[in-house]
Amino acid sequence: MKSRQTAACLPPILALLFLAGCAGGHTPLVPTPASTAFTDHHMANVTQLTFEGDNGEAYFSWDSKRLIYQSNRSGEQCDKIWSMNIDGSGKQRISPNHGAHTCAFFFPDGERVVFASTSHLPGNCPPRPQTPPDARYSWPLYPYDIYTANSDGAALKRITDNPQYDAEPIISPDGQQIVFGSQRAGDFDIYIMNADGSNVRRLTDRVGYDGAPWFSPDGSKIVWRAWHPETGEEQTQWQAAINGNYILAWPLDLWVMDANGSNKTRLTNNGATNWAPSWHPDGKRLIFSSNLDDWREDIKRYGHNFELYLINIDGSGLERITYNKGFDSFPMFSPNGKKLVFGSNRNPQKPRATDIYIADWVE
């Protein structure tokens, strides 16, 4: 599996990710090759939307008509933010063509977007932090700040000012709040702020990793992924990682809390890497990616056969959705509930690269 520069958002672990076609062009859509013989559940008409390089973290606009995503197309050394129509047409770059970018999301009005960027720093791509020599998978905590812009990239505005990682922004359904992950207090926690960057409040405070938060469809709850070191060895690993600005492939579990940080509830406890959670439009279920069923011997800590799963918000009703012996992740339902978008390495002609796929959702 290929390690990516971000993989932090929804956002982003151990991932192989991201990319796209010509700006304003229309690349012919390619259904998933029949030879792969997938038996995905609840999904029909699975269609590939991107074809060049690595692509990922594609998320719907609130009217279910467009996608915003990150890509290293055209040989870019770090990701830029792009948008496209849900049929793959109308691709256009939104972010500056300088710096690393990740974790983009539409405001409810469709006129503005939010994403994380290092475009305020000199140099094109920030240097990767040094990780332990035995670390098989890791992702860097670049010194991102969070920006807003018009949906065409104009009126770019930096709304956080933190010398360490601020990223993973998700907009509340009313457009008034942004929840995000941050390294700003010497640990890695979830924060919430007003949409203009004011009134920052911390929602998690346990030592360890709490990231990739996502508002429920009614804005009352937040799902996220977490790993909290318990043993002395784990605590030592965590402190080295947070001081060195990187995250390793620890087991991750899904948690849900109220939007004010109260009533924190753990949903999974299976030793696997459970990540990239987002909500079904009914607000009662979550979709996420996990290596729970990896067929390799080292499945829990290192397996990279990530599949998509559904689970109820009380932790019951776990259901596997994809059956692809490779990487499936970054799922999001369209707000109207008709489509599912996700990132995958299922094209046998690009087995080491991730592309964006869309499918009709069948209950």
Protein backbone atom coordinates (compact mmCIF):
# COMPACT_ATOMS: atom_id res chain seq x y z
CA MET A 1 0.00 0.00 0.00
CA LYS A 2 1.19 3.43 -0.89
CA SER A 3 1.50 6.02 1.88
CA ARG A 4 -0.11 9.38 1.17
CA GLN A 5 0.73 12.85 2.29
CA THR A 6 -2.44 13.39 4.27
CA ALA A 7 -4.92 10.58 4.88
CA ALA A 8 -5.91 12.52 7.95
CA CYS A 9 -9.48 13.48 7.25
CA LEU A 10 -12.22 11.79 6.82
CA PRO A 11 -10.20 12.63 7.53
CA PRO A 12 -7.24 10.51 6.77
CA ILE A 13 -4.92 6.87 7.88
CA LEU A 14 -2.63 4.45 6.18
CA ALA A 15 -4.13 5.54 2.95
CA LEU A 16 -3.13 5.16 -0.68
CA LEU A 17 -4.85 8.18 -2.03
CA PHE A 18 -6.06 10.82 -4.49
CA LEU A 19 -6.69 12.82 -8.09
CA ALA A 20 -8.69 13.98 -11.34
CA GLY A 21 -9.30 14.86 -14.98
CA CYS A 22 -8.98 18.08 -16.96
CA ALA A 23 -10.46 21.24 -15.53
CA GLY A 24 -13.76 21.92 -17.16
CA GLY A 25 -13.43 18.74 -19.24
CA HIS A 26 -15.59 15.64 -19.30
CA THR A 27 -13.72 12.35 -18.93
CA PRO A 28 -15.69 9.29 -20.06
CA LEU A 29 -17.06 7.43 -17.06
CA VAL A 30 -15.91 3.87 -16.51
CA PRO A 31 -18.04 1.32 -14.64
CA THR A 32 -16.16 -1.01 -12.33
CA PRO A 33 -14.57 -3.77 -14.49
CA ALA A 34 -16.64 -6.95 -14.45
CA SER A 35 -13.51 -9.06 -14.06
CA THR A 36 -13.10 -7.90 -10.46
CA ALA A 37 -16.32 -9.75 -9.54
CA PHE A 38 -17.19 -7.58 -6.54
CA THR A 39 -20.26 -8.45 -4.48
CA ASP A 40 -20.82 -5.06 -2.86
CA HIS A 41 -24.03 -4.76 -0.87
CA HIS A 42 -26.53 -1.88 -1.23
CA MET A 43 -24.59 -0.47 -4.20
CA ALA A 44 -25.60 -0.39 -7.87
CA ASN A 45 -24.01 1.20 -10.95
CA VAL A 46 -20.60 1.70 -9.33
CA THR A 47 -18.80 4.19 -11.57
CA GLN A 48 -15.25 5.55 -11.57
CA LEU A 49 -15.04 9.37 -11.69
CA THR A 50 -11.29 10.07 -11.66
CA PHE A 51 -8.53 8.51 -13.72
CA GLU A 52 -5.27 10.40 -13.24
CA GLY A 53 -2.92 9.95 -10.29
CA ASP A 54 -4.27 9.67 -6.73
CA ASN A 55 -7.58 11.14 -5.53
CA GLY A 56 -9.57 11.03 -2.33
CA GLU A 57 -11.86 12.48 0.31
CA ALA A 58 -14.66 13.36 -2.10
CA TYR A 59 -17.62 14.93 -0.31
CA PHE A 60 -21.02 16.03 -1.62
CA SER A 61 -22.43 19.51 -1.79
CA TRP A 62 -25.63 19.89 0.21
CA ASP A 63 -27.78 19.82 -2.95
CA SER A 64 -26.16 16.45 -3.87
CA LYS A 65 -25.03 17.80 -7.27
CA ARG A 66 -21.29 18.37 -6.84
CA LEU A 67 -18.26 16.83 -5.15
CA ILE A 68 -15.22 18.48 -3.59
CA TYR A 69 -12.05 16.40 -3.25
CA GLN A 70 -8.27 16.41 -3.07
CA SER A 71 -5.90 15.32 -5.82
CA ASN A 72 -2.25 15.18 -6.81
CA ARG A 73 -3.06 15.18 -10.54
CA SER A 74 -0.56 16.35 -13.15
CA GLY A 75 2.42 15.17 -11.14
CA GLU A 76 1.79 17.42 -8.15
CA GLN A 77 3.93 16.49 -5.16
CA CYS A 78 1.15 17.33 -2.71
CA ASP A 79 -2.62 17.52 -2.95
CA LYS A 80 -4.72 20.40 -4.23
CA ILE A 81 -8.48 20.85 -3.78
CA TRP A 82 -10.78 20.25 -6.75
CA SER A 83 -14.50 20.08 -7.43
CA MET A 84 -16.58 18.29 -10.05
CA ASN A 85 -20.15 17.36 -10.90
CA ILE A 86 -21.33 13.98 -9.64
CA ASP A 87 -21.04 12.56 -13.18
CA GLY A 88 -17.32 13.44 -13.25
CA SER A 89 -17.69 16.47 -15.50
CA GLY A 90 -16.76 20.07 -14.72
CA LYS A 91 -13.53 19.41 -12.86
CA GLN A 92 -11.88 22.60 -11.59
CA ARG A 93 -9.16 23.43 -9.09
CA ILE A 94 -10.32 25.50 -6.12
CA SER A 95 -7.29 25.79 -3.87
CA PRO A 96 -4.13 27.79 -4.56
CA ASN A 97 -1.61 25.95 -6.72
CA HIS A 98 0.93 26.29 -3.91
CA GLY A 99 1.23 24.25 -0.73
CA ALA A 100 -0.39 21.07 0.51
CA HIS A 101 -4.16 20.91 0.87
CA THR A 102 -6.61 18.49 2.48
CA CYS A 103 -10.06 17.96 3.96
CA ALA A 104 -12.44 20.12 1.92
CA PHE A 105 -16.18 20.58 2.52
CA PHE A 106 -19.03 22.66 1.11
CA PHE A 107 -20.99 25.22 3.10
CA PRO A 108 -24.75 24.58 2.95
CA ASP A 109 -25.28 27.52 0.57
CA GLY A 110 -23.01 25.87 -2.02
CA GLU A 111 -21.33 29.22 -2.60
CA ARG A 112 -18.42 28.71 -0.21
CA VAL A 113 -16.04 25.92 0.81
CA VAL A 114 -13.64 25.18 3.64
CA PHE A 115 -10.35 23.27 3.49
CA ALA A 116 -6.96 22.98 5.19
CA SER A 117 -3.85 24.37 3.53
CA THR A 118 -0.15 25.16 3.98
CA SER A 119 -0.29 27.83 1.25
CA HIS A 120 0.68 30.48 3.84
CA LEU A 121 4.11 28.83 4.22
CA PRO A 122 7.16 29.15 1.94
CA GLY A 123 7.97 26.31 -0.43
CA ASN A 124 5.52 24.20 -2.35
CA CYS A 125 5.11 21.08 -0.21
CA PRO A 126 6.10 20.93 3.47
CA PRO A 127 8.83 18.41 4.37
CA ARG A 128 7.67 15.08 5.75
CA PRO A 129 8.50 14.53 9.42
CA GLN A 130 10.92 11.75 10.29
CA THR A 131 9.15 8.59 11.49
CA PRO A 132 10.50 5.46 13.25
CA PRO A 133 12.36 3.11 10.86
CA ASP A 134 9.99 0.24 11.70
CA ALA A 135 6.81 2.27 11.04
CA ARG A 136 5.06 0.55 8.14
CA TYR A 137 2.39 3.23 7.72
CA SER A 138 2.16 6.78 8.97
CA TRP A 139 0.84 10.14 7.97
CA PRO A 140 2.35 13.54 8.67
CA LEU A 141 0.82 16.30 10.76
CA TYR A 142 1.69 19.19 8.46
CA PRO A 143 1.25 22.72 9.82
CA TYR A 144 -2.09 23.24 8.08
CA ASP A 145 -4.37 26.13 8.83
CA ILE A 146 -8.05 26.24 7.88
CA TYR A 147 -9.26 28.46 5.03
CA THR A 148 -12.59 29.42 3.52
CA ALA A 149 -13.12 30.48 -0.09
CA ASN A 150 -15.82 30.90 -2.67
CA SER A 151 -16.65 27.70 -4.53
CA ASP A 152 -14.50 28.88 -7.45
CA GLY A 153 -11.50 29.56 -5.17
CA ALA A 154 -11.94 33.33 -5.00
CA ALA A 155 -12.07 35.31 -1.74
CA LEU A 156 -9.62 32.98 0.01
CA LYS A 157 -9.54 33.67 3.76
CA ARG A 158 -7.42 32.04 6.47
CA ILE A 159 -9.53 31.54 9.61
CA THR A 160 -7.09 29.77 11.97
CA ASP A 161 -3.56 30.78 12.92
CA ASN A 162 -1.81 27.89 14.60
CA PRO A 163 1.81 26.87 13.95
CA GLN A 164 0.78 23.20 14.23
CA TYR A 165 -1.88 21.05 12.59
CA ASP A 166 -5.41 22.46 12.11
CA ALA A 167 -7.43 20.44 9.57
CA GLU A 168 -10.38 18.07 9.07
CA PRO A 169 -13.02 20.84 9.02
CA ILE A 170 -16.69 19.85 8.66
CA ILE A 171 -19.49 22.42 8.44
CA SER A 172 -22.62 22.13 10.59
CA PRO A 173 -25.92 21.78 8.70
CA ASP A 174 -26.90 25.36 9.58
CA GLY A 175 -23.56 26.68 8.30
CA GLN A 176 -22.77 28.36 11.61
CA GLN A 177 -20.13 26.05 13.10
CA ILE A 178 -17.00 24.20 12.00
CA VAL A 179 -15.74 21.13 13.85
CA PHE A 180 -12.10 20.18 13.25
CA GLY A 181 -9.05 18.29 14.48
CA SER A 182 -6.09 20.14 15.94
CA GLN A 183 -2.68 19.64 17.48
CA ARG A 184 -2.76 23.09 19.07
CA ALA A 185 -2.67 22.11 22.76
CA GLY A 186 0.19 19.61 22.80
CA ASP A 187 -2.08 16.66 22.07
CA PHE A 188 -4.52 15.88 19.22
CA ASP A 189 -8.12 16.80 19.94
CA ILE A 190 -11.42 17.88 18.44
CA TYR A 191 -12.42 21.52 18.50
CA ILE A 192 -15.43 23.52 17.37
CA MET A 193 -15.53 27.16 16.27
CA ASN A 194 -17.81 29.66 14.59
CA ALA A 195 -17.71 29.57 10.80
CA ASP A 196 -15.57 32.73 10.75
CA GLY A 197 -12.92 31.13 13.00
CA SER A 198 -14.00 32.83 16.22
CA ASN A 199 -15.00 31.29 19.57
CA VAL A 200 -12.82 28.15 19.44
CA ARG A 201 -13.81 25.52 22.02
CA ARG A 202 -12.19 22.18 22.82
CA LEU A 203 -14.50 19.12 22.80
CA THR A 204 -12.13 16.24 23.71
CA ASP A 205 -9.36 16.15 26.30
CA ARG A 206 -8.17 12.55 26.73
CA VAL A 207 -4.51 11.92 25.98
CA GLY A 208 -4.18 10.38 22.54
CA TYR A 209 -5.65 10.78 19.09
CA ASP A 210 -9.17 12.18 18.60
CA GLY A 211 -9.78 13.18 14.99
CA ALA A 212 -11.92 13.23 11.85
CA PRO A 213 -15.07 14.68 13.45
CA TRP A 214 -18.33 14.85 11.47
CA PHE A 215 -21.66 16.49 12.31
CA SER A 216 -24.86 14.42 12.21
CA PRO A 217 -27.48 15.50 9.63
CA ASP A 218 -29.36 17.52 12.28
CA GLY A 219 -26.16 18.96 13.77
CA SER A 220 -26.87 17.57 17.24
CA LYS A 221 -24.11 14.94 17.35
CA ILE A 222 -20.53 14.38 16.20
CA VAL A 223 -18.86 11.10 15.23
CA TRP A 224 -15.08 10.77 15.32
CA ARG A 225 -12.24 8.24 15.47
CA ALA A 226 -9.94 7.81 18.44
CA TRP A 227 -7.03 5.96 19.98
CA HIS A 228 -6.11 6.55 23.61
CA PRO A 229 -2.82 4.98 24.76
CA GLU A 230 -3.10 2.89 27.90
CA THR A 231 0.16 1.03 28.51
CA GLY A 232 3.47 2.70 29.23
CA GLU A 233 4.78 1.60 25.84
CA GLU A 234 1.77 3.07 24.05
CA GLN A 235 2.09 6.34 25.93
CA THR A 236 5.77 6.55 24.96
CA GLN A 237 4.88 5.90 21.29
CA TRP A 238 2.18 8.54 21.40
CA GLN A 239 4.39 11.21 22.92
CA ALA A 240 7.11 10.53 20.34
CA ALA A 241 4.55 10.79 17.54
CA ILE A 242 2.87 13.98 18.69
CA ASN A 243 6.26 15.61 19.32
CA GLY A 244 7.47 14.41 15.92
CA ASN A 245 4.32 15.55 14.07
CA TYR A 246 3.13 12.21 12.72
CA ILE A 247 0.45 9.58 13.38
CA LEU A 248 1.04 5.82 13.20
CA ALA A 249 -1.42 3.07 12.31
CA TRP A 250 -2.71 2.39 15.77
CA PRO A 251 -6.04 0.66 16.26
CA LEU A 252 -8.80 3.25 16.00
CA ASP A 253 -12.35 3.12 17.29
CA LEU A 254 -15.48 5.10 16.48
CA TRP A 255 -17.02 7.38 19.08
CA VAL A 256 -20.13 9.59 19.13
CA MET A 257 -20.82 12.64 21.31
CA ASP A 258 -23.27 15.48 21.51
CA ALA A 259 -22.20 18.57 19.57
CA ASN A 260 -21.27 20.34 22.83
CA GLY A 261 -18.85 17.54 23.76
CA SER A 262 -21.08 15.75 26.26
CA ASN A 263 -22.29 12.12 26.32
CA LYS A 264 -19.22 10.56 24.71
CA THR A 265 -19.93 6.95 23.69
CA ARG A 266 -17.57 4.36 22.22
CA LEU A 267 -19.10 2.34 19.36
CA THR A 268 -16.34 -0.12 18.36
CA ASN A 269 -13.77 -2.10 20.31
CA ASN A 270 -12.42 -4.69 17.87
CA GLY A 271 -8.67 -4.02 17.70
CA ALA A 272 -8.88 -2.95 14.05
CA THR A 273 -8.33 0.42 12.41
CA ASN A 274 -11.85 1.85 12.13
CA TRP A 275 -11.85 5.27 10.50
CA ALA A 276 -13.33 7.74 7.97
CA PRO A 277 -16.78 7.76 9.60
CA SER A 278 -19.70 9.79 8.25
CA TRP A 279 -23.47 9.70 8.64
CA HIS A 280 -26.34 8.08 6.80
CA PRO A 281 -28.92 10.80 6.03
CA ASP A 282 -31.34 9.14 8.48
CA GLY A 283 -29.05 10.15 11.37
CA LYS A 284 -29.38 6.68 12.87
CA ARG A 285 -26.50 4.93 11.11
CA LEU A 286 -22.85 5.54 10.30
CA ILE A 287 -20.73 4.40 7.39
CA PHE A 288 -17.00 3.93 7.88
CA SER A 289 -13.90 2.09 6.67
CA SER A 290 -12.13 -0.71 8.54
CA ASN A 291 -9.58 -3.48 8.11
CA LEU A 292 -11.62 -5.65 10.46
CA ASP A 293 -11.85 -8.47 7.89
CA ASP A 294 -8.40 -8.26 6.32
CA TRP A 295 -7.33 -11.73 5.18
CA ARG A 296 -3.64 -11.29 6.04
CA GLU A 297 -2.06 -12.65 9.21
CA ASP A 298 -1.16 -9.21 10.55
CA ILE A 299 -4.69 -7.89 10.02
CA LYS A 300 -5.39 -5.75 13.04
CA ARG A 301 -2.43 -3.45 13.11
CA TYR A 302 -1.12 -3.54 9.57
CA GLY A 303 -3.70 -5.00 7.17
CA HIS A 304 -4.65 -2.60 4.41
CA ASN A 305 -7.67 -4.34 2.94
CA PHE A 306 -10.07 -1.63 4.06
CA GLU A 307 -13.76 -2.19 3.39
CA LEU A 308 -16.89 -0.12 4.03
CA TYR A 309 -19.28 -0.94 6.88
CA LEU A 310 -22.55 0.35 8.31
CA ILE A 311 -23.23 0.51 12.03
CA ASN A 312 -26.04 1.93 14.16
CA ILE A 313 -25.17 4.88 16.38
CA ASP A 314 -25.58 2.67 19.46
CA GLY A 315 -22.88 0.30 18.14
CA SER A 316 -25.27 -2.45 17.05
CA GLY A 317 -26.11 -3.79 13.60
CA LEU A 318 -22.63 -3.92 12.06
CA GLU A 319 -22.95 -4.70 8.32
CA ARG A 320 -20.19 -5.06 5.74
CA ILE A 321 -20.92 -3.17 2.50
CA THR A 322 -17.94 -3.74 0.17
CA TYR A 323 -16.11 -6.95 -0.71
CA ASN A 324 -13.05 -5.72 -2.56
CA LYS A 325 -9.64 -7.25 -1.80
CA GLY A 326 -8.01 -3.86 -1.70
CA PHE A 327 -8.70 -0.38 -0.36
CA ASP A 328 -12.19 1.16 0.02
CA SER A 329 -12.60 4.23 2.22
CA PHE A 330 -13.72 7.89 2.54
CA PRO A 331 -17.43 7.09 2.17
CA MET A 332 -20.14 9.76 2.16
CA PHE A 333 -23.82 9.52 1.37
CA SER A 334 -25.36 12.24 -0.74
CA PRO A 335 -27.63 14.37 1.48
CA ASN A 336 -30.64 13.13 -0.51
CA GLY A 337 -29.66 9.54 0.28
CA LYS A 338 -29.57 8.41 -3.35
CA LYS A 339 -25.80 8.11 -3.89
CA LEU A 340 -22.66 6.94 -2.12
CA VAL A 341 -19.23 8.31 -3.01
CA PHE A 342 -15.99 6.67 -1.85
CA GLY A 343 -12.31 6.24 -2.66
CA SER A 344 -10.99 2.89 -3.87
CA ASN A 345 -8.06 1.04 -5.41
CA ARG A 346 -10.37 -1.37 -7.20
CA ASN A 347 -9.36 -0.54 -10.78
CA PRO A 348 -6.94 -3.38 -11.72
CA GLN A 349 -5.22 -1.07 -14.22
CA LYS A 350 -4.23 1.23 -11.31
CA PRO A 351 -3.77 -1.13 -8.37
CA ARG A 352 -1.49 1.24 -6.47
CA ALA A 353 -3.56 4.38 -6.92
CA THR A 354 -6.81 5.57 -5.39
CA ASP A 355 -9.68 6.96 -7.45
CA ILE A 356 -13.12 8.30 -6.66
CA TYR A 357 -16.16 6.14 -7.29
CA ILE A 358 -19.89 6.85 -7.06
CA ALA A 359 -22.75 4.39 -6.75
CA ASP A 360 -26.50 4.34 -6.48
CA TRP A 361 -27.50 3.42 -2.93
CA VAL A 362 -30.02 0.60 -2.58
CA GLU A 363 -31.60 0.10 0.85
